[in-house]
Amino acid sequence: ASERTFNNYAMGWFRQAPGKEREFV
């Protein structure tokens, strides 16, 4: 992340397979 206040943010990972909706990881 470019942001110096990175520790102010919750972070998440998602994924998206072809033809499918974005999925929470």
PDB file of all heavy atoms in Angstrom:
ATOM      1  N   ALA A   1       0.833  -1.205   0.000  1.00  0.00           N
ATOM      2  CA  ALA A   1       0.000   0.000   0.000  1.00  0.00           C
ATOM      3  C   ALA A   1       0.862   1.248   0.000  1.00  0.00           C
ATOM      4  O   ALA A   1       1.932   1.273   0.613  1.00  0.00           O
ATOM      5  CB  ALA A   1      -0.910   0.005   1.212  1.00  0.00           C
ATOM      6  N   SER A   2       0.384   2.268  -0.674  1.00  0.00           N
ATOM      7  CA  SER A   2       1.130   3.511  -0.771  1.00  0.00           C
ATOM      8  C   SER A   2       0.901   4.425   0.416  1.00  0.00           C
ATOM      9  O   SER A   2       1.665   5.355   0.642  1.00  0.00           O
ATOM     10  CB  SER A   2       0.717   4.256  -2.042  1.00  0.00           C
ATOM     11  OG  SER A   2      -0.658   4.613  -1.980  1.00  0.00           O
ATOM     12  N   GLU A   3      -0.134   4.165   1.173  1.00  0.00           N
ATOM     13  CA  GLU A   3      -0.582   5.071   2.206  1.00  0.00           C
ATOM     14  C   GLU A   3       0.247   4.929   3.480  1.00  0.00           C
ATOM     15  O   GLU A   3       0.394   3.833   4.013  1.00  0.00           O
ATOM     16  CB  GLU A   3      -2.057   4.804   2.519  1.00  0.00           C
ATOM     17  CG  GLU A   3      -2.654   5.661   3.596  1.00  0.00           C
ATOM     18  CD  GLU A   3      -2.584   7.144   3.267  1.00  0.00           C
ATOM     19  OE1 GLU A   3      -2.932   7.541   2.142  1.00  0.00           O
ATOM     20  OE2 GLU A   3      -2.175   7.916   4.157  1.00  0.00           O
ATOM     21  N   ARG A   4       0.739   6.078   3.988  1.00  0.00           N
ATOM     22  CA  ARG A   4       1.534   6.031   5.219  1.00  0.00           C
ATOM     23  C   ARG A   4       0.684   5.678   6.431  1.00  0.00           C
ATOM     24  O   ARG A   4       1.191   5.197   7.428  1.00  0.00           O
ATOM     25  CB  ARG A   4       2.217   7.377   5.443  1.00  0.00           C
ATOM     26  CG  ARG A   4       3.387   7.643   4.505  1.00  0.00           C
ATOM     27  CD  ARG A   4       3.984   8.991   4.775  1.00  0.00           C
ATOM     28  NE  ARG A   4       3.048  10.068   4.464  1.00  0.00           N
ATOM     29  CZ  ARG A   4       3.290  11.346   4.707  1.00  0.00           C
ATOM     30  NH1 ARG A   4       4.411  11.707   5.291  1.00  0.00           N
ATOM     31  NH2 ARG A   4       2.406  12.263   4.392  1.00  0.00           N
ATOM     32  N   THR A   5      -0.628   5.946   6.316  1.00  0.00           N
ATOM     33  CA  THR A   5      -1.523   5.594   7.425  1.00  0.00           C
ATOM     34  C   THR A   5      -2.171   4.238   7.165  1.00  0.00           C
ATOM     35  O   THR A   5      -3.333   4.022   7.485  1.00  0.00           O
ATOM     36  CB  THR A   5      -2.600   6.673   7.599  1.00  0.00           C
ATOM     37  OG1 THR A   5      -3.315   6.838   6.365  1.00  0.00           O
ATOM     38  CG2 THR A   5      -1.975   7.986   8.010  1.00  0.00           C
ATOM     39  N   PHE A   6      -1.419   3.361   6.566  1.00  0.00           N
ATOM     40  CA  PHE A   6      -1.880   2.004   6.239  1.00  0.00           C
ATOM     41  C   PHE A   6      -2.515   1.328   7.435  1.00  0.00           C
ATOM     42  O   PHE A   6      -3.505   0.611   7.294  1.00  0.00           O
ATOM     43  CB  PHE A   6      -0.681   1.193   5.736  1.00  0.00           C
ATOM     44  CG  PHE A   6      -0.955  -0.261   5.522  1.00  0.00           C
ATOM     45  CD1 PHE A   6      -1.718  -0.689   4.449  1.00  0.00           C
ATOM     46  CD2 PHE A   6      -0.432  -1.227   6.379  1.00  0.00           C
ATOM     47  CE1 PHE A   6      -1.961  -2.042   4.225  1.00  0.00           C
ATOM     48  CE2 PHE A   6      -0.665  -2.564   6.178  1.00  0.00           C
ATOM     49  CZ  PHE A   6      -1.420  -2.985   5.100  1.00  0.00           C
ATOM     50  N   ASN A   7      -1.980   1.572   8.634  1.00  0.00           N
ATOM     51  CA  ASN A   7      -2.501   0.883   9.808  1.00  0.00           C
ATOM     52  C   ASN A   7      -3.859   1.426  10.252  1.00  0.00           C
ATOM     53  O   ASN A   7      -4.402   0.969  11.251  1.00  0.00           O
ATOM     54  CB  ASN A   7      -1.496   0.915  10.960  1.00  0.00           C
ATOM     55  CG  ASN A   7      -1.148   2.329  11.375  1.00  0.00           C
ATOM     56  OD1 ASN A   7      -1.605   3.288  10.783  1.00  0.00           O
ATOM     57  ND2 ASN A   7      -0.351   2.467  12.406  1.00  0.00           N
ATOM     58  N   ASN A   8      -4.409   2.382   9.520  1.00  0.00           N
ATOM     59  CA  ASN A   8      -5.764   2.853   9.797  1.00  0.00           C
ATOM     60  C   ASN A   8      -6.820   2.060   9.041  1.00  0.00           C
ATOM     61  O   ASN A   8      -8.019   2.303   9.220  1.00  0.00           O
ATOM     62  CB  ASN A   8      -5.911   4.329   9.401  1.00  0.00           C
ATOM     63  CG  ASN A   8      -5.168   5.248  10.356  1.00  0.00           C
ATOM     64  OD1 ASN A   8      -4.769   4.842  11.444  1.00  0.00           O
ATOM     65  ND2 ASN A   8      -4.968   6.478   9.947  1.00  0.00           N
ATOM     66  N   TYR A   9      -6.371   1.142   8.189  1.00  0.00           N
ATOM     67  CA  TYR A   9      -7.286   0.445   7.300  1.00  0.00           C
ATOM     68  C   TYR A   9      -7.380  -1.033   7.649  1.00  0.00           C
ATOM     69  O   TYR A   9      -6.362  -1.693   7.869  1.00  0.00           O
ATOM     70  CB  TYR A   9      -6.828   0.568   5.850  1.00  0.00           C
ATOM     71  CG  TYR A   9      -6.891   1.974   5.299  1.00  0.00           C
ATOM     72  CD1 TYR A   9      -5.855   2.870   5.515  1.00  0.00           C
ATOM     73  CD2 TYR A   9      -7.993   2.398   4.574  1.00  0.00           C
ATOM     74  CE1 TYR A   9      -5.914   4.161   5.027  1.00  0.00           C
ATOM     75  CE2 TYR A   9      -8.063   3.689   4.076  1.00  0.00           C
ATOM     76  CZ  TYR A   9      -7.022   4.566   4.305  1.00  0.00           C
ATOM     77  OH  TYR A   9      -7.091   5.838   3.819  1.00  0.00           O
ATOM     78  N   ALA A  10      -8.603  -1.533   7.652  1.00  0.00           N
ATOM     79  CA  ALA A  10      -8.796  -2.974   7.611  1.00  0.00           C
ATOM     80  C   ALA A  10      -8.499  -3.415   6.183  1.00  0.00           C
ATOM     81  O   ALA A  10      -8.778  -2.683   5.232  1.00  0.00           O
ATOM     82  CB  ALA A  10     -10.219  -3.347   7.994  1.00  0.00           C
ATOM     83  N   MET A  11      -7.941  -4.590   6.040  1.00  0.00           N
ATOM     84  CA  MET A  11      -7.562  -5.080   4.716  1.00  0.00           C
ATOM     85  C   MET A  11      -8.275  -6.384   4.406  1.00  0.00           C
ATOM     86  O   MET A  11      -8.552  -7.181   5.313  1.00  0.00           O
ATOM     87  CB  MET A  11      -6.050  -5.290   4.643  1.00  0.00           C
ATOM     88  CG  MET A  11      -5.221  -4.036   4.880  1.00  0.00           C
ATOM     89  SD  MET A  11      -5.528  -2.766   3.634  1.00  0.00           S
ATOM     90  CE  MET A  11      -4.880  -3.580   2.162  1.00  0.00           C
ATOM     91  N   GLY A  12      -8.535  -6.592   3.143  1.00  0.00           N
ATOM     92  CA  GLY A  12      -9.203  -7.817   2.743  1.00  0.00           C
ATOM     93  C   GLY A  12      -8.645  -8.367   1.451  1.00  0.00           C
ATOM     94  O   GLY A  12      -7.989  -7.645   0.684  1.00  0.00           O
ATOM     95  N   TRP A  13      -8.872  -9.644   1.251  1.00  0.00           N
ATOM     96  CA  TRP A  13      -8.559 -10.307  -0.017  1.00  0.00           C
ATOM     97  C   TRP A  13      -9.861 -10.889  -0.569  1.00  0.00           C
ATOM     98  O   TRP A  13     -10.645 -11.498   0.168  1.00  0.00           O
ATOM     99  CB  TRP A  13      -7.550 -11.446   0.176  1.00  0.00           C
ATOM    100  CG  TRP A  13      -6.141 -11.008   0.398  1.00  0.00           C
ATOM    101  CD1 TRP A  13      -5.511 -10.843   1.596  1.00  0.00           C
ATOM    102  CD2 TRP A  13      -5.161 -10.704  -0.602  1.00  0.00           C
ATOM    103  NE1 TRP A  13      -4.216 -10.444   1.401  1.00  0.00           N
ATOM    104  CE2 TRP A  13      -3.972 -10.352   0.059  1.00  0.00           C
ATOM    105  CE3 TRP A  13      -5.184 -10.683  -1.995  1.00  0.00           C
ATOM    106  CZ2 TRP A  13      -2.808  -9.994  -0.625  1.00  0.00           C
ATOM    107  CZ3 TRP A  13      -4.025 -10.327  -2.684  1.00  0.00           C
ATOM    108  CH2 TRP A  13      -2.852  -9.987  -1.997  1.00  0.00           C
ATOM    109  N   PHE A  14     -10.044 -10.682  -1.847  1.00  0.00           N
ATOM    110  CA  PHE A  14     -11.164 -11.256  -2.575  1.00  0.00           C
ATOM    111  C   PHE A  14     -10.607 -11.945  -3.817  1.00  0.00           C
ATOM    112  O   PHE A  14      -9.459 -11.713  -4.205  1.00  0.00           O
ATOM    113  CB  PHE A  14     -12.153 -10.147  -3.000  1.00  0.00           C
ATOM    114  CG  PHE A  14     -12.914  -9.548  -1.853  1.00  0.00           C
ATOM    115  CD1 PHE A  14     -12.311  -8.628  -1.002  1.00  0.00           C
ATOM    116  CD2 PHE A  14     -14.231  -9.894  -1.615  1.00  0.00           C
ATOM    117  CE1 PHE A  14     -13.000  -8.076   0.065  1.00  0.00           C
ATOM    118  CE2 PHE A  14     -14.940  -9.339  -0.553  1.00  0.00           C
ATOM    119  CZ  PHE A  14     -14.317  -8.437   0.281  1.00  0.00           C
ATOM    120  N   ARG A  15     -11.425 -12.760  -4.428  1.00  0.00           N
ATOM    121  CA  ARG A  15     -11.001 -13.391  -5.669  1.00  0.00           C
ATOM    122  C   ARG A  15     -12.178 -13.485  -6.620  1.00  0.00           C
ATOM    123  O   ARG A  15     -13.330 -13.501  -6.199  1.00  0.00           O
ATOM    124  CB  ARG A  15     -10.410 -14.782  -5.404  1.00  0.00           C
ATOM    125  CG  ARG A  15     -11.405 -15.812  -4.891  1.00  0.00           C
ATOM    126  CD  ARG A  15     -10.684 -17.106  -4.535  1.00  0.00           C
ATOM    127  NE  ARG A  15     -11.615 -18.143  -4.086  1.00  0.00           N
ATOM    128  CZ  ARG A  15     -11.235 -19.347  -3.651  1.00  0.00           C
ATOM    129  NH1 ARG A  15      -9.947 -19.655  -3.611  1.00  0.00           N
ATOM    130  NH2 ARG A  15     -12.140 -20.225  -3.275  1.00  0.00           N
ATOM    131  N   GLN A  16     -11.842 -13.558  -7.900  1.00  0.00           N
ATOM    132  CA  GLN A  16     -12.880 -13.670  -8.917  1.00  0.00           C
ATOM    133  C   GLN A  16     -12.414 -14.612 -10.013  1.00  0.00           C
ATOM    134  O   GLN A  16     -11.386 -14.356 -10.658  1.00  0.00           O
ATOM    135  CB  GLN A  16     -13.226 -12.300  -9.503  1.00  0.00           C
ATOM    136  CG  GLN A  16     -14.440 -12.330 -10.406  1.00  0.00           C
ATOM    137  CD  GLN A  16     -15.004 -10.952 -10.670  1.00  0.00           C
ATOM    138  OE1 GLN A  16     -14.335  -9.942 -10.477  1.00  0.00           O
ATOM    139  NE2 GLN A  16     -16.255 -10.891 -11.088  1.00  0.00           N
ATOM    140  N   ALA A  17     -13.167 -15.679 -10.180  1.00  0.00           N
ATOM    141  CA  ALA A  17     -12.898 -16.641 -11.244  1.00  0.00           C
ATOM    142  C   ALA A  17     -13.714 -16.255 -12.481  1.00  0.00           C
ATOM    143  O   ALA A  17     -14.731 -15.572 -12.360  1.00  0.00           O
ATOM    144  CB  ALA A  17     -13.258 -18.040 -10.774  1.00  0.00           C
ATOM    145  N   PRO A  18     -13.296 -16.697 -13.646  1.00  0.00           N
ATOM    146  CA  PRO A  18     -14.027 -16.354 -14.875  1.00  0.00           C
ATOM    147  C   PRO A  18     -15.485 -16.774 -14.794  1.00  0.00           C
ATOM    148  O   PRO A  18     -15.800 -17.905 -14.424  1.00  0.00           O
ATOM    149  CB  PRO A  18     -13.277 -17.144 -15.950  1.00  0.00           C
ATOM    150  CG  PRO A  18     -11.907 -17.315 -15.414  1.00  0.00           C
ATOM    151  CD  PRO A  18     -12.075 -17.468 -13.929  1.00  0.00           C
ATOM    152  N   GLY A  19     -16.362 -15.844 -15.109  1.00  0.00           N
ATOM    153  CA  GLY A  19     -17.783 -16.138 -15.121  1.00  0.00           C
ATOM    154  C   GLY A  19     -18.440 -16.203 -13.758  1.00  0.00           C
ATOM    155  O   GLY A  19     -19.623 -16.543 -13.656  1.00  0.00           O
ATOM    156  N   LYS A  20     -17.682 -15.879 -12.713  1.00  0.00           N
ATOM    157  CA  LYS A  20     -18.236 -15.937 -11.359  1.00  0.00           C
ATOM    158  C   LYS A  20     -18.163 -14.576 -10.694  1.00  0.00           C
ATOM    159  O   LYS A  20     -17.409 -13.706 -11.109  1.00  0.00           O
ATOM    160  CB  LYS A  20     -17.485 -16.976 -10.525  1.00  0.00           C
ATOM    161  CG  LYS A  20     -17.663 -18.401 -11.015  1.00  0.00           C
ATOM    162  CD  LYS A  20     -17.051 -19.387 -10.049  1.00  0.00           C
ATOM    163  CE  LYS A  20     -17.292 -20.817 -10.490  1.00  0.00           C
ATOM    164  NZ  LYS A  20     -16.720 -21.802  -9.527  1.00  0.00           N
ATOM    165  N   GLU A  21     -18.957 -14.424  -9.640  1.00  0.00           N
ATOM    166  CA  GLU A  21     -18.937 -13.188  -8.884  1.00  0.00           C
ATOM    167  C   GLU A  21     -17.700 -13.116  -7.999  1.00  0.00           C
ATOM    168  O   GLU A  21     -17.088 -14.140  -7.668  1.00  0.00           O
ATOM    169  CB  GLU A  21     -20.191 -13.079  -8.024  1.00  0.00           C
ATOM    170  CG  GLU A  21     -21.465 -12.936  -8.826  1.00  0.00           C
ATOM    171  CD  GLU A  21     -22.672 -12.671  -7.946  1.00  0.00           C
ATOM    172  OE1 GLU A  21     -22.537 -12.722  -6.707  1.00  0.00           O
ATOM    173  OE2 GLU A  21     -23.756 -12.411  -8.503  1.00  0.00           O
ATOM    174  N   ARG A  22     -17.351 -11.895  -7.612  1.00  0.00           N
ATOM    175  CA  ARG A  22     -16.227 -11.724  -6.701  1.00  0.00           C
ATOM    176  C   ARG A  22     -16.562 -12.373  -5.359  1.00  0.00           C
ATOM    177  O   ARG A  22     -17.647 -12.184  -4.819  1.00  0.00           O
ATOM    178  CB  ARG A  22     -15.915 -10.241  -6.537  1.00  0.00           C
ATOM    179  CG  ARG A  22     -14.614  -9.953  -5.842  1.00  0.00           C
ATOM    180  CD  ARG A  22     -14.180  -8.518  -6.049  1.00  0.00           C
ATOM    181  NE  ARG A  22     -13.851  -8.252  -7.452  1.00  0.00           N
ATOM    182  CZ  ARG A  22     -13.237  -7.154  -7.872  1.00  0.00           C
ATOM    183  NH1 ARG A  22     -12.895  -6.216  -7.000  1.00  0.00           N
ATOM    184  NH2 ARG A  22     -12.978  -6.970  -9.146  1.00  0.00           N
ATOM    185  N   GLU A  23     -15.591 -13.110  -4.831  1.00  0.00           N
ATOM    186  CA  GLU A  23     -15.794 -13.905  -3.617  1.00  0.00           C
ATOM    187  C   GLU A  23     -14.884 -13.439  -2.500  1.00  0.00           C
ATOM    188  O   GLU A  23     -13.689 -13.202  -2.706  1.00  0.00           O
ATOM    189  CB  GLU A  23     -15.499 -15.387  -3.928  1.00  0.00           C
ATOM    190  CG  GLU A  23     -15.580 -16.310  -2.746  1.00  0.00           C
ATOM    191  CD  GLU A  23     -15.063 -17.715  -3.053  1.00  0.00           C
ATOM    192  OE1 GLU A  23     -14.400 -17.887  -4.090  1.00  0.00           O
ATOM    193  OE2 GLU A  23     -15.305 -18.627  -2.251  1.00  0.00           O
ATOM    194  N   PHE A  24     -15.447 -13.322  -1.316  1.00  0.00           N
ATOM    195  CA  PHE A  24     -14.653 -12.968  -0.140  1.00  0.00           C
ATOM    196  C   PHE A  24     -13.698 -14.100   0.214  1.00  0.00           C
ATOM    197  O   PHE A  24     -14.099 -15.278   0.265  1.00  0.00           O
ATOM    198  CB  PHE A  24     -15.567 -12.669   1.039  1.00  0.00           C
ATOM    199  CG  PHE A  24     -14.855 -12.603   2.353  1.00  0.00           C
ATOM    200  CD1 PHE A  24     -14.027 -11.526   2.651  1.00  0.00           C
ATOM    201  CD2 PHE A  24     -14.991 -13.622   3.288  1.00  0.00           C
ATOM    202  CE1 PHE A  24     -13.362 -11.459   3.860  1.00  0.00           C
ATOM    203  CE2 PHE A  24     -14.332 -13.563   4.501  1.00  0.00           C
ATOM    204  CZ  PHE A  24     -13.513 -12.488   4.786  1.00  0.00           C
ATOM    205  N   VAL A  25     -12.451 -13.738   0.501  1.00  0.00           N
ATOM    206  CA  VAL A  25     -11.443 -14.726   0.890  1.00  0.00           C
ATOM    207  C   VAL A  25     -11.048 -14.552   2.357  1.00  0.00           C
ATOM    208  O   VAL A  25     -11.126 -15.494   3.145  1.00  0.00           O
ATOM    209  CB  VAL A  25     -10.198 -14.626  -0.006  1.00  0.00           C
ATOM    210  CG1 VAL A  25      -9.094 -15.545   0.491  1.00  0.00           C
ATOM    211  CG2 VAL A  25     -10.549 -14.950  -1.454  1.00  0.00           C
TER     212      VAL A  25
END
